[in-house]
């Protein structure tokens, strides 16, 4: 039986999670290393990537550091992507 989400998050949470996942995939990074560099547990990183957890700005900054990109690079074009839905 599939577990239901307790809270529905804004669409931007899901889009941001997909972007994090895409950066890891396209740059050949490893989730474990990104989580380590972001000073977090890999399971928490996966929650953000799935859109199962909303993050604070400080967490977003740590994840972007782990991805080796800026926060602005992570958000570039996000409004257009959100408007497609």
PDB file of N, CA and C in Angstrom:
ATOM      1  N   UNK A   1       0.841  -1.175   0.000  1.00  0.00           N
ATOM      2  CA  UNK A   1       0.000   0.000   0.000  1.00  0.00           C
ATOM      3  C   UNK A   1       0.887   1.239   0.000  1.00  0.00           C
ATOM      4  N   UNK A   2       0.583   2.173  -0.904  1.00  0.00           N
ATOM      5  CA  UNK A   2       1.379   3.382  -1.049  1.00  0.00           C
ATOM      6  C   UNK A   2       1.031   4.385   0.043  1.00  0.00           C
ATOM      7  N   UNK A   3       2.058   4.973   0.607  1.00  0.00           N
ATOM      8  CA  UNK A   3       1.888   5.962   1.667  1.00  0.00           C
ATOM      9  C   UNK A   3       1.431   7.293   1.075  1.00  0.00           C
ATOM     10  N   UNK A   4       0.421   7.913   1.683  1.00  0.00           N
ATOM     11  CA  UNK A   4      -0.064   9.202   1.207  1.00  0.00           C
ATOM     12  C   UNK A   4       0.706  10.339   1.862  1.00  0.00           C
ATOM     13  N   UNK A   5       0.864  11.431   1.103  1.00  0.00           N
ATOM     14  CA  UNK A   5       1.507  12.615   1.656  1.00  0.00           C
ATOM     15  C   UNK A   5       0.591  13.245   2.683  1.00  0.00           C
ATOM     16  N   UNK A   6       1.173  13.714   3.783  1.00  0.00           N
ATOM     17  CA  UNK A   6       0.394  14.382   4.817  1.00  0.00           C
ATOM     18  C   UNK A   6      -0.015  15.776   4.369  1.00  0.00           C
ATOM     19  N   UNK A   7       0.868  16.426   3.651  1.00  0.00           N
ATOM     20  CA  UNK A   7       0.642  17.808   3.235  1.00  0.00           C
ATOM     21  C   UNK A   7       0.894  17.940   1.744  1.00  0.00           C
ATOM     22  N   UNK A   8       0.062  18.722   1.098  1.00  0.00           N
ATOM     23  CA  UNK A   8       0.313  19.038  -0.308  1.00  0.00           C
ATOM     24  C   UNK A   8       1.156  20.314  -0.350  1.00  0.00           C
ATOM     25  N   UNK A   9       2.243  20.260  -1.083  1.00  0.00           N
ATOM     26  CA  UNK A   9       3.134  21.404  -1.182  1.00  0.00           C
ATOM     27  C   UNK A   9       2.871  22.156  -2.480  1.00  0.00           C
ATOM     28  N   UNK A  10       3.278  23.412  -2.529  1.00  0.00           N
ATOM     29  CA  UNK A  10       3.118  24.190  -3.772  1.00  0.00           C
ATOM     30  C   UNK A  10       3.880  23.519  -4.917  1.00  0.00           C
ATOM     31  N   UNK A  11       3.434  23.711  -6.150  1.00  0.00           N
ATOM     32  CA  UNK A  11       4.082  23.082  -7.313  1.00  0.00           C
ATOM     33  C   UNK A  11       5.581  23.381  -7.415  1.00  0.00           C
ATOM     34  N   UNK A  12       6.006  24.525  -6.931  1.00  0.00           N
ATOM     35  CA  UNK A  12       7.422  24.881  -7.025  1.00  0.00           C
ATOM     36  C   UNK A  12       8.300  23.881  -6.263  1.00  0.00           C
ATOM     37  N   UNK A  13       7.782  23.282  -5.213  1.00  0.00           N
ATOM     38  CA  UNK A  13       8.552  22.303  -4.439  1.00  0.00           C
ATOM     39  C   UNK A  13       8.878  21.093  -5.301  1.00  0.00           C
ATOM     40  N   UNK A  14       7.899  20.622  -6.049  1.00  0.00           N
ATOM     41  CA  UNK A  14       8.096  19.475  -6.927  1.00  0.00           C
ATOM     42  C   UNK A  14       9.039  19.816  -8.084  1.00  0.00           C
ATOM     43  N   UNK A  15       8.845  20.982  -8.682  1.00  0.00           N
ATOM     44  CA  UNK A  15       9.695  21.401  -9.805  1.00  0.00           C
ATOM     45  C   UNK A  15      11.143  21.554  -9.349  1.00  0.00           C
ATOM     46  N   UNK A  16      11.331  22.147  -8.193  1.00  0.00           N
ATOM     47  CA  UNK A  16      12.678  22.325  -7.653  1.00  0.00           C
ATOM     48  C   UNK A  16      13.345  20.977  -7.375  1.00  0.00           C
ATOM     49  N   UNK A  17      12.572  20.045  -6.837  1.00  0.00           N
ATOM     50  CA  UNK A  17      13.098  18.703  -6.588  1.00  0.00           C
ATOM     51  C   UNK A  17      13.547  18.020  -7.863  1.00  0.00           C
ATOM     52  N   UNK A  18      12.745  18.165  -8.920  1.00  0.00           N
ATOM     53  CA  UNK A  18      13.114  17.583 -10.210  1.00  0.00           C
ATOM     54  C   UNK A  18      14.365  18.240 -10.765  1.00  0.00           C
ATOM     55  N   UNK A  19      14.509  19.531 -10.546  1.00  0.00           N
ATOM     56  CA  UNK A  19      15.710  20.230 -11.021  1.00  0.00           C
ATOM     57  C   UNK A  19      16.958  19.727 -10.288  1.00  0.00           C
ATOM     58  N   UNK A  20      16.844  19.538  -8.992  1.00  0.00           N
ATOM     59  CA  UNK A  20      17.976  19.016  -8.203  1.00  0.00           C
ATOM     60  C   UNK A  20      18.366  17.642  -8.737  1.00  0.00           C
ATOM     61  N   UNK A  21      17.364  16.803  -8.941  1.00  0.00           N
ATOM     62  CA  UNK A  21      17.601  15.457  -9.466  1.00  0.00           C
ATOM     63  C   UNK A  21      18.257  15.519 -10.841  1.00  0.00           C
ATOM     64  N   UNK A  22      17.795  16.420 -11.689  1.00  0.00           N
ATOM     65  CA  UNK A  22      18.335  16.566 -13.037  1.00  0.00           C
ATOM     66  C   UNK A  22      19.787  17.048 -13.011  1.00  0.00           C
ATOM     67  N   UNK A  23      20.100  17.983 -12.134  1.00  0.00           N
ATOM     68  CA  UNK A  23      21.489  18.472 -12.036  1.00  0.00           C
ATOM     69  C   UNK A  23      22.409  17.332 -11.619  1.00  0.00           C
ATOM     70  N   UNK A  24      21.972  16.531 -10.656  1.00  0.00           N
ATOM     71  CA  UNK A  24      22.789  15.397 -10.206  1.00  0.00           C
ATOM     72  C   UNK A  24      23.022  14.435 -11.376  1.00  0.00           C
ATOM     73  N   UNK A  25      21.963  14.164 -12.124  1.00  0.00           N
ATOM     74  CA  UNK A  25      22.062  13.215 -13.241  1.00  0.00           C
ATOM     75  C   UNK A  25      22.947  13.743 -14.364  1.00  0.00           C
ATOM     76  N   UNK A  26      22.731  14.996 -14.766  1.00  0.00           N
ATOM     77  CA  UNK A  26      23.452  15.533 -15.930  1.00  0.00           C
ATOM     78  C   UNK A  26      24.915  15.863 -15.636  1.00  0.00           C
ATOM     79  N   UNK A  27      25.240  16.084 -14.384  1.00  0.00           N
ATOM     80  CA  UNK A  27      26.629  16.402 -14.043  1.00  0.00           C
ATOM     81  C   UNK A  27      27.383  15.206 -13.469  1.00  0.00           C
ATOM     82  N   UNK A  28      26.744  14.042 -13.481  1.00  0.00           N
ATOM     83  CA  UNK A  28      27.354  12.799 -12.989  1.00  0.00           C
ATOM     84  C   UNK A  28      27.785  12.882 -11.528  1.00  0.00           C
ATOM     85  N   UNK A  29      27.039  13.665 -10.747  1.00  0.00           N
ATOM     86  CA  UNK A  29      27.307  13.703  -9.317  1.00  0.00           C
ATOM     87  C   UNK A  29      26.650  12.489  -8.655  1.00  0.00           C
ATOM     88  N   UNK A  30      27.021  12.235  -7.419  1.00  0.00           N
ATOM     89  CA  UNK A  30      26.459  11.124  -6.656  1.00  0.00           C
ATOM     90  C   UNK A  30      25.651  11.717  -5.507  1.00  0.00           C
ATOM     91  N   UNK A  31      24.428  11.216  -5.317  1.00  0.00           N
ATOM     92  CA  UNK A  31      23.548  11.746  -4.275  1.00  0.00           C
ATOM     93  C   UNK A  31      24.234  11.788  -2.919  1.00  0.00           C
ATOM     94  N   UNK A  32      24.945  10.731  -2.591  1.00  0.00           N
ATOM     95  CA  UNK A  32      25.624  10.649  -1.294  1.00  0.00           C
ATOM     96  C   UNK A  32      26.634  11.773  -1.126  1.00  0.00           C
ATOM     97  N   UNK A  33      27.368  12.088  -2.181  1.00  0.00           N
ATOM     98  CA  UNK A  33      28.373  13.149  -2.116  1.00  0.00           C
ATOM     99  C   UNK A  33      27.727  14.529  -2.047  1.00  0.00           C
ATOM    100  N   UNK A  34      26.646  14.717  -2.805  1.00  0.00           N
ATOM    101  CA  UNK A  34      25.923  15.994  -2.751  1.00  0.00           C
ATOM    102  C   UNK A  34      25.386  16.209  -1.343  1.00  0.00           C
ATOM    103  N   UNK A  35      24.777  15.171  -0.772  1.00  0.00           N
ATOM    104  CA  UNK A  35      24.246  15.269   0.594  1.00  0.00           C
ATOM    105  C   UNK A  35      25.364  15.584   1.584  1.00  0.00           C
ATOM    106  N   UNK A  36      26.492  14.932   1.437  1.00  0.00           N
ATOM    107  CA  UNK A  36      27.631  15.183   2.334  1.00  0.00           C
ATOM    108  C   UNK A  36      28.092  16.630   2.220  1.00  0.00           C
ATOM    109  N   UNK A  37      28.259  17.108   0.990  1.00  0.00           N
ATOM    110  CA  UNK A  37      28.703  18.486   0.774  1.00  0.00           C
ATOM    111  C   UNK A  37      27.675  19.495   1.273  1.00  0.00           C
ATOM    112  N   UNK A  38      26.389  19.098   1.255  1.00  0.00           N
ATOM    113  CA  UNK A  38      25.315  19.973   1.740  1.00  0.00           C
ATOM    114  C   UNK A  38      25.092  19.807   3.245  1.00  0.00           C
ATOM    115  N   UNK A  39      25.892  18.956   3.872  1.00  0.00           N
ATOM    116  CA  UNK A  39      25.810  18.721   5.317  1.00  0.00           C
ATOM    117  C   UNK A  39      24.420  18.229   5.724  1.00  0.00           C
ATOM    118  N   UNK A  40      23.952  17.201   5.003  1.00  0.00           N
ATOM    119  CA  UNK A  40      22.655  16.612   5.337  1.00  0.00           C
ATOM    120  C   UNK A  40      22.682  15.120   5.056  1.00  0.00           C
ATOM    121  N   UNK A  41      21.701  14.433   5.572  1.00  0.00           N
ATOM    122  CA  UNK A  41      21.541  13.015   5.352  1.00  0.00           C
ATOM    123  C   UNK A  41      21.038  12.787   3.928  1.00  0.00           C
ATOM    124  N   UNK A  42      21.490  11.732   3.278  1.00  0.00           N
ATOM    125  CA  UNK A  42      21.091  11.454   1.901  1.00  0.00           C
ATOM    126  C   UNK A  42      19.585  11.221   1.795  1.00  0.00           C
ATOM    127  N   UNK A  43      18.972  10.664   2.826  1.00  0.00           N
ATOM    128  CA  UNK A  43      17.525  10.435   2.781  1.00  0.00           C
ATOM    129  C   UNK A  43      16.752  11.753   2.783  1.00  0.00           C
ATOM    130  N   UNK A  44      17.246  12.756   3.493  1.00  0.00           N
ATOM    131  CA  UNK A  44      16.608  14.074   3.450  1.00  0.00           C
ATOM    132  C   UNK A  44      16.732  14.687   2.062  1.00  0.00           C
ATOM    133  N   UNK A  45      17.897  14.544   1.449  1.00  0.00           N
ATOM    134  CA  UNK A  45      18.086  15.041   0.089  1.00  0.00           C
ATOM    135  C   UNK A  45      17.086  14.384  -0.851  1.00  0.00           C
ATOM    136  N   UNK A  46      16.886  13.085  -0.694  1.00  0.00           N
ATOM    137  CA  UNK A  46      15.925  12.364  -1.549  1.00  0.00           C
ATOM    138  C   UNK A  46      14.502  12.866  -1.336  1.00  0.00           C
ATOM    139  N   UNK A  47      14.145  13.218  -0.117  1.00  0.00           N
ATOM    140  CA  UNK A  47      12.809  13.775   0.157  1.00  0.00           C
ATOM    141  C   UNK A  47      12.616  15.077  -0.605  1.00  0.00           C
ATOM    142  N   UNK A  48      13.639  15.916  -0.619  1.00  0.00           N
ATOM    143  CA  UNK A  48      13.563  17.174  -1.362  1.00  0.00           C
ATOM    144  C   UNK A  48      13.451  16.901  -2.859  1.00  0.00           C
ATOM    145  N   UNK A  49      14.185  15.921  -3.340  1.00  0.00           N
ATOM    146  CA  UNK A  49      14.177  15.596  -4.759  1.00  0.00           C
ATOM    147  C   UNK A  49      12.815  15.056  -5.204  1.00  0.00           C
ATOM    148  N   UNK A  50      12.137  14.341  -4.331  1.00  0.00           N
ATOM    149  CA  UNK A  50      10.807  13.804  -4.652  1.00  0.00           C
ATOM    150  C   UNK A  50       9.699  14.830  -4.462  1.00  0.00           C
ATOM    151  N   UNK A  51      10.027  15.950  -3.821  1.00  0.00           N
ATOM    152  CA  UNK A  51       9.008  16.956  -3.529  1.00  0.00           C
ATOM    153  C   UNK A  51       8.179  16.588  -2.318  1.00  0.00           C
ATOM    154  N   UNK A  52       8.715  15.720  -1.467  1.00  0.00           N
ATOM    155  CA  UNK A  52       8.012  15.268  -0.265  1.00  0.00           C
ATOM    156  C   UNK A  52       8.263  16.151   0.942  1.00  0.00           C
ATOM    157  N   UNK A  53       9.128  17.134   0.785  1.00  0.00           N
ATOM    158  CA  UNK A  53       9.462  18.002   1.909  1.00  0.00           C
ATOM    159  C   UNK A  53       9.821  19.384   1.378  1.00  0.00           C
ATOM    160  N   UNK A  54       9.266  20.397   2.013  1.00  0.00           N
ATOM    161  CA  UNK A  54       9.568  21.774   1.648  1.00  0.00           C
ATOM    162  C   UNK A  54      10.842  22.190   2.384  1.00  0.00           C
ATOM    163  N   UNK A  55      11.692  22.953   1.718  1.00  0.00           N
ATOM    164  CA  UNK A  55      12.970  23.306   2.337  1.00  0.00           C
ATOM    165  C   UNK A  55      13.061  24.777   2.703  1.00  0.00           C
ATOM    166  N   UNK A  56      13.900  25.032   3.686  1.00  0.00           N
ATOM    167  CA  UNK A  56      14.205  26.414   4.071  1.00  0.00           C
ATOM    168  C   UNK A  56      15.202  26.987   3.076  1.00  0.00           C
ATOM    169  N   UNK A  57      15.327  28.287   3.089  1.00  0.00           N
ATOM    170  CA  UNK A  57      16.288  28.949   2.206  1.00  0.00           C
ATOM    171  C   UNK A  57      17.708  28.491   2.522  1.00  0.00           C
ATOM    172  N   UNK A  58      18.015  28.329   3.794  1.00  0.00           N
ATOM    173  CA  UNK A  58      19.365  27.898   4.171  1.00  0.00           C
ATOM    174  C   UNK A  58      19.656  26.495   3.645  1.00  0.00           C
ATOM    175  N   UNK A  59      18.644  25.629   3.636  1.00  0.00           N
ATOM    176  CA  UNK A  59      18.811  24.278   3.094  1.00  0.00           C
ATOM    177  C   UNK A  59      19.021  24.339   1.587  1.00  0.00           C
ATOM    178  N   UNK A  60      18.255  25.182   0.930  1.00  0.00           N
ATOM    179  CA  UNK A  60      18.396  25.365  -0.513  1.00  0.00           C
ATOM    180  C   UNK A  60      19.811  25.828  -0.857  1.00  0.00           C
ATOM    181  N   UNK A  61      20.345  26.729  -0.067  1.00  0.00           N
ATOM    182  CA  UNK A  61      21.705  27.226  -0.309  1.00  0.00           C
ATOM    183  C   UNK A  61      22.726  26.113  -0.105  1.00  0.00           C
ATOM    184  N   UNK A  62      22.534  25.287   0.915  1.00  0.00           N
ATOM    185  CA  UNK A  62      23.463  24.175   1.158  1.00  0.00           C
ATOM    186  C   UNK A  62      23.404  23.157   0.026  1.00  0.00           C
ATOM    187  N   UNK A  63      22.186  22.870  -0.467  1.00  0.00           N
ATOM    188  CA  UNK A  63      22.050  21.921  -1.565  1.00  0.00           C
ATOM    189  C   UNK A  63      22.708  22.471  -2.829  1.00  0.00           C
ATOM    190  N   UNK A  64      22.513  23.744  -3.119  1.00  0.00           N
ATOM    191  CA  UNK A  64      23.151  24.318  -4.306  1.00  0.00           C
ATOM    192  C   UNK A  64      24.672  24.259  -4.185  1.00  0.00           C
ATOM    193  N   UNK A  65      25.180  24.442  -2.965  1.00  0.00           N
ATOM    194  CA  UNK A  65      26.629  24.295  -2.736  1.00  0.00           C
ATOM    195  C   UNK A  65      27.055  22.860  -3.038  1.00  0.00           C
ATOM    196  N   UNK A  66      26.265  21.896  -2.577  1.00  0.00           N
ATOM    197  CA  UNK A  66      26.564  20.488  -2.839  1.00  0.00           C
ATOM    198  C   UNK A  66      26.501  20.154  -4.317  1.00  0.00           C
ATOM    199  N   UNK A  67      25.631  20.853  -5.044  1.00  0.00           N
ATOM    200  CA  UNK A  67      25.502  20.643  -6.492  1.00  0.00           C
ATOM    201  C   UNK A  67      26.576  21.393  -7.282  1.00  0.00           C
ATOM    202  N   UNK A  68      27.290  22.266  -6.580  1.00  0.00           N
ATOM    203  CA  UNK A  68      28.347  23.091  -7.189  1.00  0.00           C
ATOM    204  C   UNK A  68      27.786  24.075  -8.216  1.00  0.00           C
ATOM    205  N   UNK A  69      26.594  24.608  -7.914  1.00  0.00           N
ATOM    206  CA  UNK A  69      25.978  25.654  -8.721  1.00  0.00           C
ATOM    207  C   UNK A  69      25.413  26.705  -7.772  1.00  0.00           C
ATOM    208  N   UNK A  70      25.043  27.852  -8.323  1.00  0.00           N
ATOM    209  CA  UNK A  70      24.452  28.900  -7.487  1.00  0.00           C
ATOM    210  C   UNK A  70      22.946  28.674  -7.376  1.00  0.00           C
ATOM    211  N   UNK A  71      22.346  29.289  -6.390  1.00  0.00           N
ATOM    212  CA  UNK A  71      20.900  29.215  -6.218  1.00  0.00           C
ATOM    213  C   UNK A  71      20.207  29.817  -7.435  1.00  0.00           C
ATOM    214  N   UNK A  72      20.754  30.912  -7.956  1.00  0.00           N
ATOM    215  CA  UNK A  72      20.138  31.541  -9.125  1.00  0.00           C
ATOM    216  C   UNK A  72      20.181  30.618 -10.347  1.00  0.00           C
ATOM    217  N   UNK A  73      21.228  29.824 -10.490  1.00  0.00           N
ATOM    218  CA  UNK A  73      21.283  28.854 -11.585  1.00  0.00           C
ATOM    219  C   UNK A  73      20.198  27.787 -11.421  1.00  0.00           C
ATOM    220  N   UNK A  74      19.958  27.398 -10.190  1.00  0.00           N
ATOM    221  CA  UNK A  74      18.936  26.397  -9.904  1.00  0.00           C
ATOM    222  C   UNK A  74      17.535  26.928 -10.216  1.00  0.00           C
ATOM    223  N   UNK A  75      17.325  28.216  -9.998  1.00  0.00           N
ATOM    224  CA  UNK A  75      16.016  28.828 -10.215  1.00  0.00           C
ATOM    225  C   UNK A  75      15.828  29.394 -11.626  1.00  0.00           C
ATOM    226  N   UNK A  76      16.887  29.433 -12.414  1.00  0.00           N
ATOM    227  CA  UNK A  76      16.798  30.046 -13.743  1.00  0.00           C
ATOM    228  C   UNK A  76      15.726  29.360 -14.591  1.00  0.00           C
ATOM    229  N   UNK A  77      14.743  30.142 -15.052  1.00  0.00           N
ATOM    230  CA  UNK A  77      13.679  29.635 -15.905  1.00  0.00           C
ATOM    231  C   UNK A  77      12.569  28.892 -15.185  1.00  0.00           C
ATOM    232  N   UNK A  78      12.569  28.929 -13.856  1.00  0.00           N
ATOM    233  CA  UNK A  78      11.586  28.150 -13.095  1.00  0.00           C
ATOM    234  C   UNK A  78      10.163  28.680 -13.273  1.00  0.00           C
ATOM    235  N   UNK A  79      10.026  29.988 -13.456  1.00  0.00           N
ATOM    236  CA  UNK A  79       8.683  30.555 -13.644  1.00  0.00           C
ATOM    237  C   UNK A  79       8.043  30.046 -14.929  1.00  0.00           C
ATOM    238  N   UNK A  80       8.821  29.980 -15.987  1.00  0.00           N
ATOM    239  CA  UNK A  80       8.296  29.470 -17.252  1.00  0.00           C
ATOM    240  C   UNK A  80       7.884  28.006 -17.111  1.00  0.00           C
ATOM    241  N   UNK A  81       8.687  27.247 -16.397  1.00  0.00           N
ATOM    242  CA  UNK A  81       8.382  25.837 -16.194  1.00  0.00           C
ATOM    243  C   UNK A  81       7.108  25.659 -15.371  1.00  0.00           C
ATOM    244  N   UNK A  82       6.925  26.494 -14.387  1.00  0.00           N
ATOM    245  CA  UNK A  82       5.709  26.436 -13.565  1.00  0.00           C
ATOM    246  C   UNK A  82       4.474  26.843 -14.354  1.00  0.00           C
ATOM    247  N   UNK A  83       4.625  27.798 -15.254  1.00  0.00           N
ATOM    248  CA  UNK A  83       3.500  28.283 -16.050  1.00  0.00           C
ATOM    249  C   UNK A  83       3.062  27.281 -17.116  1.00  0.00           C
ATOM    250  N   UNK A  84       3.926  26.310 -17.450  1.00  0.00           N
ATOM    251  CA  UNK A  84       3.573  25.293 -18.431  1.00  0.00           C
ATOM    252  C   UNK A  84       2.483  24.355 -17.905  1.00  0.00           C
ATOM    253  N   UNK A  85       2.439  24.230 -16.604  1.00  0.00           N
ATOM    254  CA  UNK A  85       1.515  23.258 -16.000  1.00  0.00           C
ATOM    255  C   UNK A  85       0.115  23.775 -15.902  1.00  0.00           C
TER     256      UNK A  85
END
